[in-house]
Amino acid sequence: AGQVYTGHPTSSSTLPSLVLTMLRHGRVHPGVRLLDVATGSGYSAALACARLGDQAVTTLDIDPYLTQA
């Protein structure tokens, strides 16, 4: 069976499979650089770093609490 879409927003940081799907469909592979805007918890960036290496990922967020962690 297929997925059911309810029209309600979902946080990608709570759906690891969605983050991996976005990285795969976004053609995020070794050799590319990634800019993660509105990084939030950093979960997606951590997965990107695991795939690309930490030197290939740049993150941005304006929340001081999140950027200090």
C-alpha atoms as a PDB file:
ATOM      1  CA  ALA A   1       0.000   0.000   0.000  1.00  0.00           C
ATOM      2  CA  GLY A   2       1.046   3.610  -0.505  1.00  0.00           C
ATOM      3  CA  GLN A   3       1.658   6.369   1.987  1.00  0.00           C
ATOM      4  CA  VAL A   4      -1.244   8.451   3.263  1.00  0.00           C
ATOM      5  CA  TYR A   5      -0.720  12.222   3.191  1.00  0.00           C
ATOM      6  CA  THR A   6      -2.851  14.162   5.629  1.00  0.00           C
ATOM      7  CA  GLY A   7      -1.801  17.652   4.588  1.00  0.00           C
ATOM      8  CA  HIS A   8      -0.377  18.352   8.029  1.00  0.00           C
ATOM      9  CA  PRO A   9       3.236  19.522   8.280  1.00  0.00           C
ATOM     10  CA  THR A  10       5.697  17.041   9.715  1.00  0.00           C
ATOM     11  CA  SER A  11       9.059  17.767  11.259  1.00  0.00           C
ATOM     12  CA  SER A  12      11.746  16.045   9.225  1.00  0.00           C
ATOM     13  CA  SER A  13      13.930  15.741  12.318  1.00  0.00           C
ATOM     14  CA  THR A  14      11.473  13.228  13.734  1.00  0.00           C
ATOM     15  CA  LEU A  15      11.368  11.123  10.586  1.00  0.00           C
ATOM     16  CA  PRO A  16      14.841   9.677   9.922  1.00  0.00           C
ATOM     17  CA  SER A  17      13.584   7.839   6.839  1.00  0.00           C
ATOM     18  CA  LEU A  18      12.339  11.126   5.347  1.00  0.00           C
ATOM     19  CA  VAL A  19      15.701  12.809   5.938  1.00  0.00           C
ATOM     20  CA  LEU A  20      17.500   9.941   4.200  1.00  0.00           C
ATOM     21  CA  THR A  21      15.004  10.095   1.322  1.00  0.00           C
ATOM     22  CA  MET A  22      15.614  13.849   0.940  1.00  0.00           C
ATOM     23  CA  LEU A  23      19.377  13.316   0.891  1.00  0.00           C
ATOM     24  CA  ARG A  24      19.044  10.549  -1.703  1.00  0.00           C
ATOM     25  CA  HIS A  25      16.630  12.433  -3.984  1.00  0.00           C
ATOM     26  CA  GLY A  26      18.592  15.653  -3.523  1.00  0.00           C
ATOM     27  CA  ARG A  27      21.595  13.878  -5.039  1.00  0.00           C
ATOM     28  CA  VAL A  28      23.637  14.463  -1.898  1.00  0.00           C
ATOM     29  CA  HIS A  29      26.642  12.240  -2.507  1.00  0.00           C
ATOM     30  CA  PRO A  30      30.386  12.383  -1.837  1.00  0.00           C
ATOM     31  CA  GLY A  31      31.996  15.206  -3.787  1.00  0.00           C
ATOM     32  CA  VAL A  32      29.203  17.755  -3.322  1.00  0.00           C
ATOM     33  CA  ARG A  33      28.923  20.522  -0.719  1.00  0.00           C
ATOM     34  CA  LEU A  34      25.754  21.127   1.263  1.00  0.00           C
ATOM     35  CA  LEU A  35      24.349  24.285   2.867  1.00  0.00           C
ATOM     36  CA  ASP A  36      21.766  23.491   5.560  1.00  0.00           C
ATOM     37  CA  VAL A  37      19.698  26.630   6.246  1.00  0.00           C
ATOM     38  CA  ALA A  38      17.577  26.669   9.435  1.00  0.00           C
ATOM     39  CA  THR A  39      19.566  23.753  10.808  1.00  0.00           C
ATOM     40  CA  GLY A  40      17.492  23.358  13.960  1.00  0.00           C
ATOM     41  CA  SER A  41      18.612  20.378  16.018  1.00  0.00           C
ATOM     42  CA  GLY A  42      21.304  19.505  13.481  1.00  0.00           C
ATOM     43  CA  TYR A  43      19.961  16.002  12.923  1.00  0.00           C
ATOM     44  CA  SER A  44      19.753  16.370   9.130  1.00  0.00           C
ATOM     45  CA  ALA A  45      23.177  18.007   9.052  1.00  0.00           C
ATOM     46  CA  ALA A  46      24.627  15.124  11.069  1.00  0.00           C
ATOM     47  CA  LEU A  47      23.303  12.623   8.543  1.00  0.00           C
ATOM     48  CA  ALA A  48      24.683  14.760   5.712  1.00  0.00           C
ATOM     49  CA  CYS A  49      28.075  14.880   7.466  1.00  0.00           C
ATOM     50  CA  ALA A  50      28.042  11.096   7.767  1.00  0.00           C
ATOM     51  CA  ARG A  51      27.479  10.876   4.032  1.00  0.00           C
ATOM     52  CA  LEU A  52      29.710  13.753   2.830  1.00  0.00           C
ATOM     53  CA  GLY A  53      32.221  14.395   5.599  1.00  0.00           C
ATOM     54  CA  ASP A  54      31.998  17.321   7.988  1.00  0.00           C
ATOM     55  CA  GLN A  55      34.121  19.611   5.800  1.00  0.00           C
ATOM     56  CA  ALA A  56      31.474  19.449   3.043  1.00  0.00           C
ATOM     57  CA  VAL A  57      28.523  20.604   5.172  1.00  0.00           C
ATOM     58  CA  THR A  58      27.839  24.191   6.269  1.00  0.00           C
ATOM     59  CA  THR A  59      24.983  24.962   8.644  1.00  0.00           C
ATOM     60  CA  LEU A  60      23.084  28.179   9.418  1.00  0.00           C
ATOM     61  CA  ASP A  61      20.540  28.980  12.100  1.00  0.00           C
ATOM     62  CA  ILE A  62      19.527  32.222  13.802  1.00  0.00           C
ATOM     63  CA  ASP A  63      18.459  30.715  17.138  1.00  0.00           C
ATOM     64  CA  PRO A  64      21.330  31.406  19.585  1.00  0.00           C
ATOM     65  CA  TYR A  65      20.380  28.405  21.726  1.00  0.00           C
ATOM     66  CA  LEU A  66      20.758  26.054  18.778  1.00  0.00           C
ATOM     67  CA  THR A  67      23.929  27.620  17.412  1.00  0.00           C
ATOM     68  CA  GLN A  68      25.731  27.463  20.774  1.00  0.00           C
ATOM     69  CA  ALA A  69      25.095  23.745  21.314  1.00  0.00           C
END
